[in-house]
C-alpha atoms as a PDB file:
ATOM      1  CA  VAL A   1     -57.119  17.631 -20.725  1.00  0.00           C
ATOM      2  CA  GLN A   2     -55.922  21.168 -19.979  1.00  0.00           C
ATOM      3  CA  LEU A   3     -52.418  22.334 -20.850  1.00  0.00           C
ATOM      4  CA  GLN A   4     -50.477  25.246 -19.375  1.00  0.00           C
ATOM      5  CA  ALA A   5     -47.213  26.208 -21.068  1.00  0.00           C
ATOM      6  CA  SER A   6     -44.535  28.414 -19.579  1.00  0.00           C
ATOM      7  CA  GLY A   7     -40.859  29.273 -19.799  1.00  0.00           C
ATOM      8  CA  GLY A   8     -40.651  31.410 -22.890  1.00  0.00           C
ATOM      9  CA  GLY A   9     -38.710  34.642 -23.049  1.00  0.00           C
ATOM     10  CA  LEU A  10     -36.134  36.757 -24.813  1.00  0.00           C
ATOM     11  CA  VAL A  11     -32.606  35.395 -25.096  1.00  0.00           C
ATOM     12  CA  GLN A  12     -29.516  36.031 -27.155  1.00  0.00           C
ATOM     13  CA  ALA A  13     -28.414  33.571 -29.788  1.00  0.00           C
ATOM     14  CA  GLY A  14     -26.383  30.712 -28.359  1.00  0.00           C
ATOM     15  CA  ASN A  15     -28.185  30.743 -25.035  1.00  0.00           C
ATOM     16  CA  SER A  16     -30.729  28.298 -23.616  1.00  0.00           C
ATOM     17  CA  LEU A  17     -34.329  28.193 -22.479  1.00  0.00           C
ATOM     18  CA  ARG A  18     -36.428  25.488 -20.893  1.00  0.00           C
ATOM     19  CA  LEU A  19     -40.120  25.287 -21.652  1.00  0.00           C
ATOM     20  CA  SER A  20     -42.597  23.457 -19.483  1.00  0.00           C
ATOM     21  CA  CYS A  21     -46.106  22.266 -20.213  1.00  0.00           C
ATOM     22  CA  ALA A  22     -48.247  21.023 -17.358  1.00  0.00           C
ATOM     23  CA  ALA A  23     -51.238  18.846 -18.183  1.00  0.00           C
ATOM     24  CA  SER A  24     -54.213  18.419 -15.888  1.00  0.00           C
ATOM     25  CA  GLY A  25     -57.521  16.628 -16.125  1.00  0.00           C
ATOM     26  CA  ARG A  26     -57.636  13.187 -17.725  1.00  0.00           C
ATOM     27  CA  THR A  27     -53.878  12.839 -17.792  1.00  0.00           C
ATOM     28  CA  PHE A  28     -54.030   9.065 -17.349  1.00  0.00           C
ATOM     29  CA  SER A  29     -55.201   8.759 -20.961  1.00  0.00           C
ATOM     30  CA  ILE A  30     -52.369  10.801 -22.498  1.00  0.00           C
ATOM     31  CA  TYR A  31     -50.100   8.720 -24.707  1.00  0.00           C
ATOM     32  CA  ASN A  32     -48.126  11.401 -26.504  1.00  0.00           C
ATOM     33  CA  MET A  33     -47.077  14.976 -25.745  1.00  0.00           C
ATOM     34  CA  GLY A  34     -45.080  17.331 -27.859  1.00  0.00           C
ATOM     35  CA  TRP A  35     -44.151  20.822 -28.941  1.00  0.00           C
ATOM     36  CA  PHE A  36     -44.969  22.761 -32.061  1.00  0.00           C
ATOM     37  CA  ARG A  37     -44.036  26.281 -33.015  1.00  0.00           C
ATOM     38  CA  GLN A  38     -45.350  29.007 -35.252  1.00  0.00           C
ATOM     39  CA  ALA A  39     -43.247  31.883 -36.491  1.00  0.00           C
ATOM     40  CA  PRO A  40     -44.833  35.072 -37.854  1.00  0.00           C
ATOM     41  CA  GLY A  41     -46.213  34.508 -41.313  1.00  0.00           C
ATOM     42  CA  LYS A  42     -45.490  30.789 -41.222  1.00  0.00           C
ATOM     43  CA  GLU A  43     -47.498  27.672 -40.577  1.00  0.00           C
ATOM     44  CA  ARG A  44     -47.302  25.814 -37.292  1.00  0.00           C
ATOM     45  CA  GLU A  45     -44.580  23.179 -37.436  1.00  0.00           C
ATOM     46  CA  PHE A  46     -43.596  20.148 -35.431  1.00  0.00           C
ATOM     47  CA  VAL A  47     -40.645  20.512 -33.054  1.00  0.00           C
ATOM     48  CA  ALA A  48     -40.476  17.467 -30.774  1.00  0.00           C
ATOM     49  CA  ALA A  49     -42.639  14.785 -29.210  1.00  0.00           C
ATOM     50  CA  ILE A  50     -42.399  12.036 -26.627  1.00  0.00           C
ATOM     51  CA  SER A  51     -44.481   8.930 -26.185  1.00  0.00           C
ATOM     52  CA  TRP A  52     -45.746   8.595 -22.670  1.00  0.00           C
ATOM     53  CA  SER A  53     -45.422   4.844 -22.109  1.00  0.00           C
ATOM     54  CA  VAL A  54     -41.918   4.113 -23.375  1.00  0.00           C
ATOM     55  CA  SER A  55     -40.516   7.662 -23.689  1.00  0.00           C
ATOM     56  CA  ASN A  56     -39.624   7.371 -27.359  1.00  0.00           C
ATOM     57  CA  THR A  57     -38.618  10.799 -28.605  1.00  0.00           C
ATOM     58  CA  TYR A  58     -39.003  12.443 -31.987  1.00  0.00           C
ATOM     59  CA  TYR A  59     -37.435  15.659 -33.270  1.00  0.00           C
ATOM     60  CA  ALA A  60     -37.623  17.898 -36.275  1.00  0.00           C
ATOM     61  CA  ASP A  61     -34.370  17.926 -38.201  1.00  0.00           C
ATOM     62  CA  SER A  62     -33.939  21.625 -37.504  1.00  0.00           C
ATOM     63  CA  VAL A  63     -33.663  21.055 -33.739  1.00  0.00           C
ATOM     64  CA  LYS A  64     -31.903  17.688 -33.495  1.00  0.00           C
ATOM     65  CA  GLY A  65     -28.845  17.880 -31.300  1.00  0.00           C
ATOM     66  CA  ARG A  66     -29.951  21.197 -29.775  1.00  0.00           C
ATOM     67  CA  PHE A  67     -33.355  20.506 -28.210  1.00  0.00           C
ATOM     68  CA  THR A  68     -34.260  17.760 -25.771  1.00  0.00           C
ATOM     69  CA  ILE A  69     -37.779  16.727 -24.805  1.00  0.00           C
ATOM     70  CA  ASP A  70     -38.480  15.011 -21.507  1.00  0.00           C
ATOM     71  CA  ARG A  71     -41.488  14.211 -19.391  1.00  0.00           C
ATOM     72  CA  PHE A  72     -42.535  13.722 -15.804  1.00  0.00           C
ATOM     73  CA  GLY A  73     -45.743  12.155 -14.605  1.00  0.00           C
ATOM     74  CA  ALA A  74     -46.966  11.635 -11.078  1.00  0.00           C
ATOM     75  CA  GLY A  75     -50.491  11.118  -9.893  1.00  0.00           C
ATOM     76  CA  ARG A  76     -52.871  13.376 -11.717  1.00  0.00           C
ATOM     77  CA  THR A  77     -50.185  15.592 -13.231  1.00  0.00           C
ATOM     78  CA  ALA A  78     -48.160  15.180 -16.391  1.00  0.00           C
ATOM     79  CA  THR A  79     -45.482  17.611 -17.466  1.00  0.00           C
ATOM     80  CA  VAL A  80     -43.405  17.776 -20.607  1.00  0.00           C
ATOM     81  CA  TYR A  81     -40.255  19.830 -20.883  1.00  0.00           C
ATOM     82  CA  LEU A  82     -38.344  21.181 -23.853  1.00  0.00           C
ATOM     83  CA  GLN A  83     -34.729  22.052 -23.158  1.00  0.00           C
ATOM     84  CA  MET A  84     -33.553  24.348 -25.921  1.00  0.00           C
ATOM     85  CA  ASN A  85     -29.815  24.915 -26.262  1.00  0.00           C
ATOM     86  CA  ALA A  86     -27.754  26.811 -28.795  1.00  0.00           C
ATOM     87  CA  LEU A  87     -30.775  28.887 -29.723  1.00  0.00           C
ATOM     88  CA  MET A  88     -30.758  30.662 -33.059  1.00  0.00           C
ATOM     89  CA  PRO A  89     -32.803  33.620 -34.317  1.00  0.00           C
ATOM     90  CA  GLU A  90     -34.729  31.229 -36.555  1.00  0.00           C
ATOM     91  CA  ASP A  91     -36.027  29.511 -33.438  1.00  0.00           C
ATOM     92  CA  THR A  92     -38.086  32.622 -32.706  1.00  0.00           C
ATOM     93  CA  ALA A  93     -41.739  31.607 -32.587  1.00  0.00           C
ATOM     94  CA  VAL A  94     -44.698  30.966 -30.366  1.00  0.00           C
ATOM     95  CA  TYR A  95     -44.278  27.504 -28.933  1.00  0.00           C
ATOM     96  CA  TYR A  96     -47.336  25.365 -28.315  1.00  0.00           C
ATOM     97  CA  CYS A  97     -47.568  22.138 -26.419  1.00  0.00           C
ATOM     98  CA  ARG A  98     -49.919  19.412 -27.540  1.00  0.00           C
ATOM     99  CA  ALA A  99     -51.202  16.308 -25.855  1.00  0.00           C
ATOM    100  CA  ILE A 100     -52.848  13.339 -27.567  1.00  0.00           C
ATOM    101  CA  SER A 101     -55.466  11.583 -25.495  1.00  0.00           C
ATOM    102  CA  MET A 102     -58.198   9.212 -26.650  1.00  0.00           C
ATOM    103  CA  ALA A 103     -57.330  10.002 -30.284  1.00  0.00           C
ATOM    104  CA  ARG A 104     -57.918  13.706 -29.687  1.00  0.00           C
ATOM    105  CA  ALA A 105     -55.411  16.558 -29.712  1.00  0.00           C
ATOM    106  CA  TYR A 106     -55.341  19.155 -26.959  1.00  0.00           C
ATOM    107  CA  TRP A 107     -53.366  22.393 -27.273  1.00  0.00           C
ATOM    108  CA  GLY A 108     -51.866  24.768 -24.752  1.00  0.00           C
ATOM    109  CA  GLN A 109     -52.051  28.540 -25.055  1.00  0.00           C
ATOM    110  CA  GLY A 110     -48.540  29.059 -26.430  1.00  0.00           C
ATOM    111  CA  THR A 111     -45.458  30.753 -25.037  1.00  0.00           C
ATOM    112  CA  GLN A 112     -43.324  33.253 -26.946  1.00  0.00           C
ATOM    113  CA  VAL A 113     -39.649  32.522 -27.552  1.00  0.00           C
ATOM    114  CA  THR A 114     -37.591  35.322 -29.059  1.00  0.00           C
ATOM    115  CA  VAL A 115     -33.947  34.837 -29.936  1.00  0.00           C
ATOM    116  CA  SER A 116     -31.932  37.948 -30.735  1.00  0.00           C
ATOM    117  CA  SER A 117     -28.825  37.864 -32.891  1.00  0.00           C
END
């Protein structure tokens, strides 16, 4: 499984961004996709995830009510989105998408999100 993330950028606090992560390869075996983030000097942390079969969603407490994860799958492609609203400076980080397939985790290359105050 290969993952390509996009959509990061520089925004002011209170604004929105939408991240996308496109999966290719053995997408039929993906059963979970999600987003993690890593701020400078901090460990990578969970942000949100979605199960592929029934679209159950999971969020970190810090983003509940502000971020929404969604997915789209058709044919050999699978895409997960992260709509981020009411962004805060503490949301500044590199955001990574992750896919779980056949009990293995695959990671995208990361996309930078910078929120200015």
